[in-house]
Amino acid sequence: MVYAVVRAGGRQEKVSVGDIITVNRVAADEKGKLELPAVLVVDGKSITSDASALAKVKVTAEVLEDLRGPKIIIQKYKNKTGYKKRQGHRQELTRIKITDIK
């Protein structure tokens, strides 16, 4: 089984060909393709973690859709002072499909 650990959207993800993952928003080229840097590659019996060997590895993916995550409500409150604050946040996300590991 061939899989790779790639750096995508501020995190590291374990991926193999055909996997669909959701990462923080990343920019792709005009065709919807992007290339992810590999941190580790496992190819059957061999494990590659050397930086010079990983520079030759290409993990390509295609963007399926851009979406937004669930709304998170942030509330702050201080007792006896009349201070309260309410704020919301939705994270920008991208769903990608891994197409090739070379």
Protein backbone atom coordinates (compact mmCIF):
# COMPACT_ATOMS: atom_id res chain seq x y z
CA MET A 1 0.00 0.00 0.00
CA VAL A 2 1.35 3.40 -1.02
CA TYR A 3 0.52 6.42 1.11
CA ALA A 4 2.05 9.75 1.98
CA VAL A 5 1.88 12.27 4.78
CA VAL A 6 1.48 15.73 3.24
CA ARG A 7 1.41 19.26 4.57
CA ALA A 8 -1.94 20.79 3.62
CA GLY A 9 -3.72 23.82 5.01
CA GLY A 10 -1.60 24.18 8.14
CA ARG A 11 -1.89 20.51 9.15
CA GLN A 12 -0.43 17.17 8.16
CA GLU A 13 -2.71 14.60 6.54
CA LYS A 14 -2.17 10.92 5.73
CA VAL A 15 -3.37 10.38 2.15
CA SER A 16 -3.40 7.75 -0.56
CA VAL A 17 -4.61 7.88 -4.17
CA GLY A 18 -8.37 8.44 -4.37
CA ASP A 19 -8.79 9.91 -0.88
CA ILE A 20 -11.03 12.93 -0.42
CA ILE A 21 -9.98 15.27 2.40
CA THR A 22 -11.10 18.65 3.70
CA VAL A 23 -8.37 21.18 4.49
CA ASN A 24 -8.17 24.89 5.24
CA ARG A 25 -8.67 27.04 2.13
CA VAL A 26 -5.85 26.57 -0.41
CA ALA A 27 -5.44 28.26 -3.77
CA ALA A 28 -5.29 26.08 -6.88
CA ASP A 29 -4.31 26.92 -10.45
CA GLU A 30 -6.87 27.75 -13.13
CA LYS A 31 -7.46 24.05 -13.92
CA GLY A 32 -8.25 23.23 -10.28
CA LYS A 33 -5.02 21.27 -9.70
CA LEU A 34 -2.58 21.70 -6.86
CA GLU A 35 0.58 20.06 -5.60
CA LEU A 36 1.11 19.25 -1.92
CA PRO A 37 4.55 18.96 -0.25
CA ALA A 38 5.25 15.49 1.15
CA VAL A 39 6.65 14.96 4.65
CA LEU A 40 6.79 11.15 4.55
CA VAL A 41 6.18 8.53 1.84
CA VAL A 42 5.54 4.83 2.50
CA ASP A 43 5.83 2.62 -0.58
CA GLY A 44 5.26 -0.99 0.39
CA LYS A 45 8.42 -1.90 2.29
CA SER A 46 10.39 1.35 1.94
CA ILE A 47 9.82 4.48 4.01
CA THR A 48 11.14 7.79 2.66
CA SER A 49 11.67 10.66 5.09
CA ASP A 50 14.89 12.21 3.74
CA ALA A 51 14.41 15.83 2.64
CA SER A 52 16.41 15.46 -0.59
CA ALA A 53 14.45 12.36 -1.62
CA LEU A 54 11.13 13.98 -0.69
CA ALA A 55 11.91 16.95 -2.96
CA LYS A 56 11.48 14.56 -5.93
CA VAL A 57 8.10 13.25 -4.69
CA LYS A 58 5.01 14.87 -6.20
CA VAL A 59 1.58 14.52 -4.59
CA THR A 60 -1.05 16.03 -6.88
CA ALA A 61 -4.66 16.77 -6.04
CA GLU A 62 -7.69 18.33 -7.67
CA VAL A 63 -10.06 20.78 -6.01
CA LEU A 64 -13.60 19.44 -5.76
CA GLU A 65 -15.23 22.42 -4.04
CA ASP A 66 -14.71 25.42 -1.80
CA LEU A 67 -16.97 25.46 1.23
CA ARG A 68 -17.37 26.92 4.70
CA GLY A 69 -17.32 25.03 7.98
CA PRO A 70 -19.95 25.10 10.70
CA LYS A 71 -20.60 28.33 12.57
CA ILE A 72 -18.78 28.63 15.89
CA ILE A 73 -20.17 31.06 18.46
CA ILE A 74 -17.67 32.89 20.68
CA GLN A 75 -19.12 34.46 23.83
CA LYS A 76 -17.26 36.50 26.43
CA TYR A 77 -18.79 37.59 29.72
CA LYS A 78 -17.47 39.33 32.82
CA ASN A 79 -19.49 39.17 35.98
CA LYS A 80 -20.73 42.39 37.68
CA THR A 81 -19.34 44.75 35.02
CA GLY A 82 -22.01 44.63 32.34
CA TYR A 83 -19.51 43.35 29.76
CA LYS A 84 -20.70 40.76 27.26
CA LYS A 85 -19.59 40.14 23.73
CA ARG A 86 -20.88 37.68 21.13
CA GLN A 87 -19.08 36.83 17.92
CA GLY A 88 -19.37 34.14 15.24
CA HIS A 89 -16.85 32.48 12.92
CA ARG A 90 -17.04 30.16 9.91
CA GLN A 91 -13.78 28.67 8.62
CA GLU A 92 -13.07 28.74 4.87
CA LEU A 93 -12.41 25.16 3.70
CA THR A 94 -11.49 23.31 0.50
CA ARG A 95 -12.41 19.70 -0.34
CA ILE A 96 -9.71 18.02 -2.45
CA LYS A 97 -9.21 14.60 -4.03
CA ILE A 98 -5.74 13.05 -4.22
CA THR A 99 -5.07 12.00 -7.81
CA ASP A 100 -1.45 10.84 -7.88
CA ILE A 101 1.63 10.10 -5.75
CA LYS A 102 4.88 9.90 -7.79
